[in-house]
Amino acid sequence: MYAVVSSGGKQYKVHEGEILRVEKISGNIGDQVSFDKILMYSDGENVRIGRPVLDDVTVRGQIVEHGKNKKIIVFKYKRRKRYRRKQGHRQQYTAIKIENIEA
């Protein structure tokens, strides 16, 4: 059984018991989270696709961790013009443990 959910402008395929990293969501560690934008649901033999979302399917999870991803380097350069700009960025994330998928 799996579902495809949308969070933070991205789509994720989730299974029960899986730990999912999404863009930072407000809430404390241990809080319950439910996803409302379910794009697709499969129970093993039947597949349901939302147009655009499925209203009767919910995915519930629990916040496990807040953190920052690895640093990426943003480097801009123009040859022969003495133009260089270096900037680093660390995107914040929230780790969510998927507890159940209800249809």
PDB file of N, CA and C in Angstrom:
ATOM      1  N   MET A   1       0.851  -1.174   0.000  1.00  0.00           N
ATOM      2  CA  MET A   1       0.000   0.000   0.000  1.00  0.00           C
ATOM      3  C   MET A   1       0.894   1.233   0.000  1.00  0.00           C
ATOM      4  N   TYR A   2       0.615   2.148  -0.912  1.00  0.00           N
ATOM      5  CA  TYR A   2       1.376   3.377  -0.973  1.00  0.00           C
ATOM      6  C   TYR A   2       0.481   4.505  -1.483  1.00  0.00           C
ATOM      7  N   ALA A   3       0.990   5.726  -1.315  1.00  0.00           N
ATOM      8  CA  ALA A   3       0.276   6.907  -1.786  1.00  0.00           C
ATOM      9  C   ALA A   3       1.305   7.908  -2.295  1.00  0.00           C
ATOM     10  N   VAL A   4       0.856   8.811  -3.157  1.00  0.00           N
ATOM     11  CA  VAL A   4       1.695   9.907  -3.628  1.00  0.00           C
ATOM     12  C   VAL A   4       1.101  11.187  -3.062  1.00  0.00           C
ATOM     13  N   VAL A   5       1.896  11.900  -2.252  1.00  0.00           N
ATOM     14  CA  VAL A   5       1.425  13.122  -1.607  1.00  0.00           C
ATOM     15  C   VAL A   5       2.216  14.312  -2.136  1.00  0.00           C
ATOM     16  N   SER A   6       1.625  15.492  -2.010  1.00  0.00           N
ATOM     17  CA  SER A   6       2.275  16.728  -2.421  1.00  0.00           C
ATOM     18  C   SER A   6       2.502  17.583  -1.182  1.00  0.00           C
ATOM     19  N   SER A   7       3.752  18.049  -1.020  1.00  0.00           N
ATOM     20  CA  SER A   7       4.082  18.905   0.112  1.00  0.00           C
ATOM     21  C   SER A   7       5.231  19.819  -0.298  1.00  0.00           C
ATOM     22  N   GLY A   8       5.059  21.094  -0.089  1.00  0.00           N
ATOM     23  CA  GLY A   8       6.111  22.053  -0.402  1.00  0.00           C
ATOM     24  C   GLY A   8       6.414  22.158  -1.879  1.00  0.00           C
ATOM     25  N   GLY A   9       5.413  21.887  -2.735  1.00  0.00           N
ATOM     26  CA  GLY A   9       5.616  21.982  -4.169  1.00  0.00           C
ATOM     27  C   GLY A   9       6.283  20.772  -4.784  1.00  0.00           C
ATOM     28  N   LYS A  10       6.516  19.726  -3.990  1.00  0.00           N
ATOM     29  CA  LYS A  10       7.140  18.508  -4.483  1.00  0.00           C
ATOM     30  C   LYS A  10       6.210  17.321  -4.237  1.00  0.00           C
ATOM     31  N   GLN A  11       6.428  16.235  -4.967  1.00  0.00           N
ATOM     32  CA  GLN A  11       5.617  15.030  -4.823  1.00  0.00           C
ATOM     33  C   GLN A  11       6.472  13.915  -4.246  1.00  0.00           C
ATOM     34  N   TYR A  12       5.886  13.146  -3.308  1.00  0.00           N
ATOM     35  CA  TYR A  12       6.597  12.081  -2.638  1.00  0.00           C
ATOM     36  C   TYR A  12       5.753  10.805  -2.661  1.00  0.00           C
ATOM     37  N   LYS A  13       6.394   9.671  -2.914  1.00  0.00           N
ATOM     38  CA  LYS A  13       5.734   8.373  -2.815  1.00  0.00           C
ATOM     39  C   LYS A  13       6.018   7.856  -1.412  1.00  0.00           C
ATOM     40  N   VAL A  14       4.956   7.554  -0.634  1.00  0.00           N
ATOM     41  CA  VAL A  14       5.125   7.175   0.762  1.00  0.00           C
ATOM     42  C   VAL A  14       4.507   5.804   1.032  1.00  0.00           C
ATOM     43  N   HIS A  15       5.132   5.067   1.948  1.00  0.00           N
ATOM     44  CA  HIS A  15       4.647   3.790   2.453  1.00  0.00           C
ATOM     45  C   HIS A  15       4.464   3.933   3.956  1.00  0.00           C
ATOM     46  N   GLU A  16       3.692   3.043   4.560  1.00  0.00           N
ATOM     47  CA  GLU A  16       3.528   3.058   6.018  1.00  0.00           C
ATOM     48  C   GLU A  16       4.848   2.662   6.666  1.00  0.00           C
ATOM     49  N   GLY A  17       5.202   3.369   7.753  1.00  0.00           N
ATOM     50  CA  GLY A  17       6.426   3.083   8.483  1.00  0.00           C
ATOM     51  C   GLY A  17       7.665   3.772   7.924  1.00  0.00           C
ATOM     52  N   GLU A  18       7.532   4.461   6.819  1.00  0.00           N
ATOM     53  CA  GLU A  18       8.661   5.124   6.171  1.00  0.00           C
ATOM     54  C   GLU A  18       8.920   6.479   6.823  1.00  0.00           C
ATOM     55  N   ILE A  19      10.188   6.906   6.835  1.00  0.00           N
ATOM     56  CA  ILE A  19      10.536   8.244   7.306  1.00  0.00           C
ATOM     57  C   ILE A  19      10.765   9.113   6.083  1.00  0.00           C
ATOM     58  N   LEU A  20      10.025  10.213   6.009  1.00  0.00           N
ATOM     59  CA  LEU A  20       9.995  11.089   4.846  1.00  0.00           C
ATOM     60  C   LEU A  20      10.582  12.444   5.223  1.00  0.00           C
ATOM     61  N   ARG A  21      11.476  12.973   4.370  1.00  0.00           N
ATOM     62  CA  ARG A  21      12.035  14.310   4.584  1.00  0.00           C
ATOM     63  C   ARG A  21      11.366  15.278   3.626  1.00  0.00           C
ATOM     64  N   VAL A  22      10.664  16.268   4.171  1.00  0.00           N
ATOM     65  CA  VAL A  22      10.000  17.286   3.366  1.00  0.00           C
ATOM     66  C   VAL A  22      10.553  18.646   3.771  1.00  0.00           C
ATOM     67  N   GLU A  23      10.205  19.671   3.006  1.00  0.00           N
ATOM     68  CA  GLU A  23      10.608  21.014   3.385  1.00  0.00           C
ATOM     69  C   GLU A  23       9.975  21.370   4.721  1.00  0.00           C
ATOM     70  N   LYS A  24      10.611  22.274   5.442  1.00  0.00           N
ATOM     71  CA  LYS A  24      10.233  22.548   6.833  1.00  0.00           C
ATOM     72  C   LYS A  24       8.750  22.846   6.993  1.00  0.00           C
ATOM     73  N   ILE A  25       8.149  22.134   7.959  1.00  0.00           N
ATOM     74  CA  ILE A  25       6.745  22.312   8.333  1.00  0.00           C
ATOM     75  C   ILE A  25       6.730  22.810   9.773  1.00  0.00           C
ATOM     76  N   SER A  26       5.853  23.764  10.073  1.00  0.00           N
ATOM     77  CA  SER A  26       5.781  24.257  11.444  1.00  0.00           C
ATOM     78  C   SER A  26       5.186  23.179  12.341  1.00  0.00           C
ATOM     79  N   GLY A  27       5.683  23.096  13.540  1.00  0.00           N
ATOM     80  CA  GLY A  27       5.221  22.105  14.506  1.00  0.00           C
ATOM     81  C   GLY A  27       6.394  21.633  15.332  1.00  0.00           C
ATOM     82  N   ASN A  28       6.088  21.006  16.465  1.00  0.00           N
ATOM     83  CA  ASN A  28       7.114  20.500  17.365  1.00  0.00           C
ATOM     84  C   ASN A  28       7.331  19.014  17.131  1.00  0.00           C
ATOM     85  N   ILE A  29       8.450  18.511  17.641  1.00  0.00           N
ATOM     86  CA  ILE A  29       8.733  17.082  17.531  1.00  0.00           C
ATOM     87  C   ILE A  29       7.679  16.320  18.331  1.00  0.00           C
ATOM     88  N   GLY A  30       7.088  15.305  17.715  1.00  0.00           N
ATOM     89  CA  GLY A  30       6.040  14.516  18.347  1.00  0.00           C
ATOM     90  C   GLY A  30       4.635  14.918  17.932  1.00  0.00           C
ATOM     91  N   ASP A  31       4.482  16.051  17.245  1.00  0.00           N
ATOM     92  CA  ASP A  31       3.158  16.488  16.783  1.00  0.00           C
ATOM     93  C   ASP A  31       2.680  15.617  15.630  1.00  0.00           C
ATOM     94  N   GLN A  32       1.355  15.481  15.529  1.00  0.00           N
ATOM     95  CA  GLN A  32       0.736  14.729  14.446  1.00  0.00           C
ATOM     96  C   GLN A  32       0.591  15.642  13.222  1.00  0.00           C
ATOM     97  N   VAL A  33       0.829  15.063  12.041  1.00  0.00           N
ATOM     98  CA  VAL A  33       0.718  15.786  10.780  1.00  0.00           C
ATOM     99  C   VAL A  33      -0.146  14.952   9.847  1.00  0.00           C
ATOM    100  N   SER A  34      -1.044  15.620   9.112  1.00  0.00           N
ATOM    101  CA  SER A  34      -1.819  14.902   8.097  1.00  0.00           C
ATOM    102  C   SER A  34      -1.678  15.646   6.771  1.00  0.00           C
ATOM    103  N   PHE A  35      -1.499  14.887   5.708  1.00  0.00           N
ATOM    104  CA  PHE A  35      -1.374  15.449   4.369  1.00  0.00           C
ATOM    105  C   PHE A  35      -2.750  15.471   3.738  1.00  0.00           C
ATOM    106  N   ASP A  36      -3.121  16.607   3.140  1.00  0.00           N
ATOM    107  CA  ASP A  36      -4.447  16.727   2.537  1.00  0.00           C
ATOM    108  C   ASP A  36      -4.401  16.627   1.019  1.00  0.00           C
ATOM    109  N   LYS A  37      -3.239  16.816   0.405  1.00  0.00           N
ATOM    110  CA  LYS A  37      -3.132  16.718  -1.052  1.00  0.00           C
ATOM    111  C   LYS A  37      -2.604  15.330  -1.422  1.00  0.00           C
ATOM    112  N   ILE A  38      -3.511  14.381  -1.577  1.00  0.00           N
ATOM    113  CA  ILE A  38      -3.159  13.023  -1.981  1.00  0.00           C
ATOM    114  C   ILE A  38      -3.440  12.915  -3.476  1.00  0.00           C
ATOM    115  N   LEU A  39      -2.407  12.673  -4.266  1.00  0.00           N
ATOM    116  CA  LEU A  39      -2.536  12.657  -5.715  1.00  0.00           C
ATOM    117  C   LEU A  39      -2.865  11.268  -6.260  1.00  0.00           C
ATOM    118  N   MET A  40      -2.377  10.210  -5.562  1.00  0.00           N
ATOM    119  CA  MET A  40      -2.600   8.851  -6.027  1.00  0.00           C
ATOM    120  C   MET A  40      -2.576   7.904  -4.838  1.00  0.00           C
ATOM    121  N   TYR A  41      -3.348   6.814  -4.933  1.00  0.00           N
ATOM    122  CA  TYR A  41      -3.406   5.815  -3.864  1.00  0.00           C
ATOM    123  C   TYR A  41      -3.476   4.431  -4.483  1.00  0.00           C
ATOM    124  N   SER A  42      -2.725   3.495  -3.928  1.00  0.00           N
ATOM    125  CA  SER A  42      -2.751   2.113  -4.389  1.00  0.00           C
ATOM    126  C   SER A  42      -2.762   1.196  -3.175  1.00  0.00           C
ATOM    127  N   ASP A  43      -3.679   0.189  -3.192  1.00  0.00           N
ATOM    128  CA  ASP A  43      -3.743  -0.774  -2.089  1.00  0.00           C
ATOM    129  C   ASP A  43      -3.159  -2.129  -2.481  1.00  0.00           C
ATOM    130  N   GLY A  44      -2.490  -2.225  -3.585  1.00  0.00           N
ATOM    131  CA  GLY A  44      -1.895  -3.479  -4.015  1.00  0.00           C
ATOM    132  C   GLY A  44      -2.452  -3.956  -5.332  1.00  0.00           C
ATOM    133  N   GLU A  45      -3.782  -3.964  -5.477  1.00  0.00           N
ATOM    134  CA  GLU A  45      -4.375  -4.365  -6.745  1.00  0.00           C
ATOM    135  C   GLU A  45      -5.144  -3.248  -7.426  1.00  0.00           C
ATOM    136  N   ASN A  46      -5.666  -2.302  -6.669  1.00  0.00           N
ATOM    137  CA  ASN A  46      -6.417  -1.194  -7.251  1.00  0.00           C
ATOM    138  C   ASN A  46      -5.617   0.098  -7.133  1.00  0.00           C
ATOM    139  N   VAL A  47      -5.632   0.878  -8.198  1.00  0.00           N
ATOM    140  CA  VAL A  47      -4.942   2.171  -8.210  1.00  0.00           C
ATOM    141  C   VAL A  47      -5.982   3.252  -8.454  1.00  0.00           C
ATOM    142  N   ARG A  48      -5.967   4.280  -7.590  1.00  0.00           N
ATOM    143  CA  ARG A  48      -6.889   5.412  -7.750  1.00  0.00           C
ATOM    144  C   ARG A  48      -6.068   6.673  -7.955  1.00  0.00           C
ATOM    145  N   ILE A  49      -6.434   7.427  -8.985  1.00  0.00           N
ATOM    146  CA  ILE A  49      -5.734   8.665  -9.313  1.00  0.00           C
ATOM    147  C   ILE A  49      -6.697   9.825  -9.127  1.00  0.00           C
ATOM    148  N   GLY A  50      -6.259  10.852  -8.427  1.00  0.00           N
ATOM    149  CA  GLY A  50      -7.105  12.012  -8.172  1.00  0.00           C
ATOM    150  C   GLY A  50      -7.096  12.981  -9.329  1.00  0.00           C
ATOM    151  N   ARG A  51      -8.193  13.692  -9.459  1.00  0.00           N
ATOM    152  CA  ARG A  51      -8.309  14.718 -10.499  1.00  0.00           C
ATOM    153  C   ARG A  51      -8.745  16.021  -9.860  1.00  0.00           C
ATOM    154  N   PRO A  52      -7.949  16.833  -9.264  1.00  0.00           N
ATOM    155  CA  PRO A  52      -6.510  16.698  -9.087  1.00  0.00           C
ATOM    156  C   PRO A  52      -6.112  15.965  -7.809  1.00  0.00           C
ATOM    157  N   VAL A  53      -6.997  15.916  -6.776  1.00  0.00           N
ATOM    158  CA  VAL A  53      -6.641  15.236  -5.525  1.00  0.00           C
ATOM    159  C   VAL A  53      -7.747  14.265  -5.132  1.00  0.00           C
ATOM    160  N   LEU A  54      -7.382  13.324  -4.245  1.00  0.00           N
ATOM    161  CA  LEU A  54      -8.351  12.388  -3.675  1.00  0.00           C
ATOM    162  C   LEU A  54      -8.820  12.949  -2.340  1.00  0.00           C
ATOM    163  N   ASP A  55     -10.136  13.061  -2.161  1.00  0.00           N
ATOM    164  CA  ASP A  55     -10.667  13.664  -0.944  1.00  0.00           C
ATOM    165  C   ASP A  55     -10.845  12.663   0.194  1.00  0.00           C
ATOM    166  N   ASP A  56     -11.079  11.384  -0.123  1.00  0.00           N
ATOM    167  CA  ASP A  56     -11.405  10.410   0.921  1.00  0.00           C
ATOM    168  C   ASP A  56     -10.192   9.617   1.400  1.00  0.00           C
ATOM    169  N   VAL A  57      -8.976  10.001   1.025  1.00  0.00           N
ATOM    170  CA  VAL A  57      -7.759   9.326   1.471  1.00  0.00           C
ATOM    171  C   VAL A  57      -6.964  10.303   2.324  1.00  0.00           C
ATOM    172  N   THR A  58      -6.488   9.827   3.478  1.00  0.00           N
ATOM    173  CA  THR A  58      -5.656  10.660   4.350  1.00  0.00           C
ATOM    174  C   THR A  58      -4.376   9.913   4.687  1.00  0.00           C
ATOM    175  N   VAL A  59      -3.297  10.651   4.785  1.00  0.00           N
ATOM    176  CA  VAL A  59      -2.005  10.116   5.201  1.00  0.00           C
ATOM    177  C   VAL A  59      -1.628  10.831   6.483  1.00  0.00           C
ATOM    178  N   ARG A  60      -1.410  10.057   7.540  1.00  0.00           N
ATOM    179  CA  ARG A  60      -1.076  10.636   8.844  1.00  0.00           C
ATOM    180  C   ARG A  60       0.344  10.246   9.230  1.00  0.00           C
ATOM    181  N   GLY A  61       1.016  11.178   9.901  1.00  0.00           N
ATOM    182  CA  GLY A  61       2.379  10.932  10.332  1.00  0.00           C
ATOM    183  C   GLY A  61       2.703  11.708  11.586  1.00  0.00           C
ATOM    184  N   GLN A  62       3.922  11.518  12.050  1.00  0.00           N
ATOM    185  CA  GLN A  62       4.377  12.174  13.269  1.00  0.00           C
ATOM    186  C   GLN A  62       5.734  12.805  12.989  1.00  0.00           C
ATOM    187  N   ILE A  63       5.927  14.043  13.468  1.00  0.00           N
ATOM    188  CA  ILE A  63       7.191  14.744  13.265  1.00  0.00           C
ATOM    189  C   ILE A  63       8.255  14.103  14.140  1.00  0.00           C
ATOM    190  N   VAL A  64       9.362  13.712  13.491  1.00  0.00           N
ATOM    191  CA  VAL A  64      10.443  13.038  14.187  1.00  0.00           C
ATOM    192  C   VAL A  64      11.626  13.967  14.427  1.00  0.00           C
ATOM    193  N   GLU A  65      11.894  14.852  13.463  1.00  0.00           N
ATOM    194  CA  GLU A  65      13.121  15.643  13.535  1.00  0.00           C
ATOM    195  C   GLU A  65      12.995  16.904  12.681  1.00  0.00           C
ATOM    196  N   HIS A  66      13.677  17.958  13.114  1.00  0.00           N
ATOM    197  CA  HIS A  66      13.891  19.162  12.309  1.00  0.00           C
ATOM    198  C   HIS A  66      15.397  19.283  12.106  1.00  0.00           C
ATOM    199  N   GLY A  67      15.820  19.731  10.931  1.00  0.00           N
ATOM    200  CA  GLY A  67      17.252  19.868  10.703  1.00  0.00           C
ATOM    201  C   GLY A  67      17.552  20.631   9.438  1.00  0.00           C
ATOM    202  N   LYS A  68      18.841  20.590   9.052  1.00  0.00           N
ATOM    203  CA  LYS A  68      19.298  21.252   7.839  1.00  0.00           C
ATOM    204  C   LYS A  68      20.009  20.224   6.961  1.00  0.00           C
ATOM    205  N   ASN A  69      19.808  20.324   5.644  1.00  0.00           N
ATOM    206  CA  ASN A  69      20.481  19.456   4.690  1.00  0.00           C
ATOM    207  C   ASN A  69      21.943  19.866   4.551  1.00  0.00           C
ATOM    208  N   LYS A  70      22.680  19.107   3.720  1.00  0.00           N
ATOM    209  CA  LYS A  70      24.063  19.450   3.434  1.00  0.00           C
ATOM    210  C   LYS A  70      24.136  20.787   2.713  1.00  0.00           C
ATOM    211  N   LYS A  71      25.265  21.479   2.881  1.00  0.00           N
ATOM    212  CA  LYS A  71      25.441  22.786   2.266  1.00  0.00           C
ATOM    213  C   LYS A  71      25.668  22.633   0.762  1.00  0.00           C
ATOM    214  N   ILE A  72      25.007  23.507   0.013  1.00  0.00           N
ATOM    215  CA  ILE A  72      25.283  23.601  -1.417  1.00  0.00           C
ATOM    216  C   ILE A  72      25.973  24.927  -1.673  1.00  0.00           C
ATOM    217  N   ILE A  73      26.823  24.953  -2.675  1.00  0.00           N
ATOM    218  CA  ILE A  73      27.569  26.160  -3.021  1.00  0.00           C
ATOM    219  C   ILE A  73      26.961  26.762  -4.288  1.00  0.00           C
ATOM    220  N   VAL A  74      26.616  28.050  -4.207  1.00  0.00           N
ATOM    221  CA  VAL A  74      26.123  28.790  -5.362  1.00  0.00           C
ATOM    222  C   VAL A  74      27.271  29.689  -5.811  1.00  0.00           C
ATOM    223  N   PHE A  75      27.807  29.432  -7.017  1.00  0.00           N
ATOM    224  CA  PHE A  75      28.970  30.157  -7.495  1.00  0.00           C
ATOM    225  C   PHE A  75      28.650  30.786  -8.845  1.00  0.00           C
ATOM    226  N   LYS A  76      28.718  32.106  -8.911  1.00  0.00           N
ATOM    227  CA  LYS A  76      28.503  32.838 -10.155  1.00  0.00           C
ATOM    228  C   LYS A  76      29.844  33.354 -10.646  1.00  0.00           C
ATOM    229  N   TYR A  77      30.058  33.267 -11.950  1.00  0.00           N
ATOM    230  CA  TYR A  77      31.358  33.618 -12.507  1.00  0.00           C
ATOM    231  C   TYR A  77      31.191  34.117 -13.935  1.00  0.00           C
ATOM    232  N   LYS A  78      31.884  35.205 -14.263  1.00  0.00           N
ATOM    233  CA  LYS A  78      31.943  35.692 -15.646  1.00  0.00           C
ATOM    234  C   LYS A  78      33.419  35.821 -16.020  1.00  0.00           C
ATOM    235  N   ARG A  79      33.788  35.129 -17.065  1.00  0.00           N
ATOM    236  CA  ARG A  79      35.199  35.111 -17.439  1.00  0.00           C
ATOM    237  C   ARG A  79      35.658  36.475 -17.953  1.00  0.00           C
ATOM    238  N   ARG A  80      36.900  36.782 -17.665  1.00  0.00           N
ATOM    239  CA  ARG A  80      37.580  38.009 -18.114  1.00  0.00           C
ATOM    240  C   ARG A  80      36.966  39.292 -17.560  1.00  0.00           C
ATOM    241  N   LYS A  81      36.064  39.233 -16.634  1.00  0.00           N
ATOM    242  CA  LYS A  81      35.428  40.445 -16.114  1.00  0.00           C
ATOM    243  C   LYS A  81      35.676  40.648 -14.614  1.00  0.00           C
ATOM    244  N   ARG A  82      36.460  39.781 -14.011  1.00  0.00           N
ATOM    245  CA  ARG A  82      36.739  39.820 -12.562  1.00  0.00           C
ATOM    246  C   ARG A  82      35.464  39.773 -11.729  1.00  0.00           C
ATOM    247  N   TYR A  83      34.508  38.981 -12.190  1.00  0.00           N
ATOM    248  CA  TYR A  83      33.229  38.862 -11.463  1.00  0.00           C
ATOM    249  C   TYR A  83      33.113  37.464 -10.893  1.00  0.00           C
ATOM    250  N   ARG A  84      33.097  37.377  -9.564  1.00  0.00           N
ATOM    251  CA  ARG A  84      32.901  36.110  -8.874  1.00  0.00           C
ATOM    252  C   ARG A  84      32.034  36.354  -7.655  1.00  0.00           C
ATOM    253  N   ARG A  85      31.038  35.497  -7.449  1.00  0.00           N
ATOM    254  CA  ARG A  85      30.204  35.570  -6.249  1.00  0.00           C
ATOM    255  C   ARG A  85      30.039  34.157  -5.711  1.00  0.00           C
ATOM    256  N   LYS A  86      30.358  33.955  -4.469  1.00  0.00           N
ATOM    257  CA  LYS A  86      30.232  32.642  -3.846  1.00  0.00           C
ATOM    258  C   LYS A  86      29.282  32.757  -2.672  1.00  0.00           C
ATOM    259  N   GLN A  87      28.318  31.866  -2.636  1.00  0.00           N
ATOM    260  CA  GLN A  87      27.322  31.887  -1.575  1.00  0.00           C
ATOM    261  C   GLN A  87      26.963  30.455  -1.222  1.00  0.00           C
ATOM    262  N   GLY A  88      26.752  30.181   0.050  1.00  0.00           N
ATOM    263  CA  GLY A  88      26.347  28.853   0.501  1.00  0.00           C
ATOM    264  C   GLY A  88      24.913  28.877   0.988  1.00  0.00           C
ATOM    265  N   HIS A  89      24.273  27.696   0.978  1.00  0.00           N
ATOM    266  CA  HIS A  89      22.878  27.599   1.420  1.00  0.00           C
ATOM    267  C   HIS A  89      22.630  26.226   2.020  1.00  0.00           C
ATOM    268  N   ARG A  90      21.907  26.187   3.139  1.00  0.00           N
ATOM    269  CA  ARG A  90      21.482  24.923   3.753  1.00  0.00           C
ATOM    270  C   ARG A  90      19.972  24.970   3.913  1.00  0.00           C
ATOM    271  N   GLN A  91      19.276  24.082   3.194  1.00  0.00           N
ATOM    272  CA  GLN A  91      17.814  24.045   3.219  1.00  0.00           C
ATOM    273  C   GLN A  91      17.336  23.339   4.484  1.00  0.00           C
ATOM    274  N   GLN A  92      16.355  23.914   5.152  1.00  0.00           N
ATOM    275  CA  GLN A  92      15.787  23.283   6.341  1.00  0.00           C
ATOM    276  C   GLN A  92      14.782  22.207   5.936  1.00  0.00           C
ATOM    277  N   TYR A  93      14.699  21.142   6.744  1.00  0.00           N
ATOM    278  CA  TYR A  93      13.774  20.059   6.462  1.00  0.00           C
ATOM    279  C   TYR A  93      13.088  19.594   7.728  1.00  0.00           C
ATOM    280  N   THR A  94      12.016  18.820   7.543  1.00  0.00           N
ATOM    281  CA  THR A  94      11.312  18.153   8.638  1.00  0.00           C
ATOM    282  C   THR A  94      11.213  16.687   8.279  1.00  0.00           C
ATOM    283  N   ALA A  95      11.616  15.815   9.201  1.00  0.00           N
ATOM    284  CA  ALA A  95      11.498  14.375   8.993  1.00  0.00           C
ATOM    285  C   ALA A  95      10.196  13.918   9.626  1.00  0.00           C
ATOM    286  N   ILE A  96       9.384  13.189   8.843  1.00  0.00           N
ATOM    287  CA  ILE A  96       8.076  12.725   9.297  1.00  0.00           C
ATOM    288  C   ILE A  96       8.014  11.217   9.145  1.00  0.00           C
ATOM    289  N   LYS A  97       7.599  10.520  10.205  1.00  0.00           N
ATOM    290  CA  LYS A  97       7.384   9.081  10.128  1.00  0.00           C
ATOM    291  C   LYS A  97       5.924   8.847   9.747  1.00  0.00           C
ATOM    292  N   ILE A  98       5.695   8.158   8.622  1.00  0.00           N
ATOM    293  CA  ILE A  98       4.356   7.879   8.134  1.00  0.00           C
ATOM    294  C   ILE A  98       3.755   6.749   8.969  1.00  0.00           C
ATOM    295  N   GLU A  99       2.663   7.040   9.667  1.00  0.00           N
ATOM    296  CA  GLU A  99       2.067   6.035  10.549  1.00  0.00           C
ATOM    297  C   GLU A  99       1.007   5.205   9.835  1.00  0.00           C
ATOM    298  N   ASN A 100       0.077   5.850   9.130  1.00  0.00           N
ATOM    299  CA  ASN A 100      -0.935   5.066   8.411  1.00  0.00           C
ATOM    300  C   ASN A 100      -1.486   5.820   7.221  1.00  0.00           C
ATOM    301  N   ILE A 101      -1.994   5.035   6.281  1.00  0.00           N
ATOM    302  CA  ILE A 101      -2.649   5.557   5.088  1.00  0.00           C
ATOM    303  C   ILE A 101      -4.069   5.026   5.127  1.00  0.00           C
ATOM    304  N   GLU A 102      -5.038   5.927   5.261  1.00  0.00           N
ATOM    305  CA  GLU A 102      -6.437   5.521   5.380  1.00  0.00           C
ATOM    306  C   GLU A 102      -7.201   5.878   4.124  1.00  0.00           C
ATOM    307  N   ALA A 103      -7.960   4.894   3.624  1.00  0.00           N
ATOM    308  CA  ALA A 103      -8.775   5.140   2.429  1.00  0.00           C
ATOM    309  C   ALA A 103     -10.242   5.025   2.783  1.00  0.00           C
TER     310      ALA A 103
END
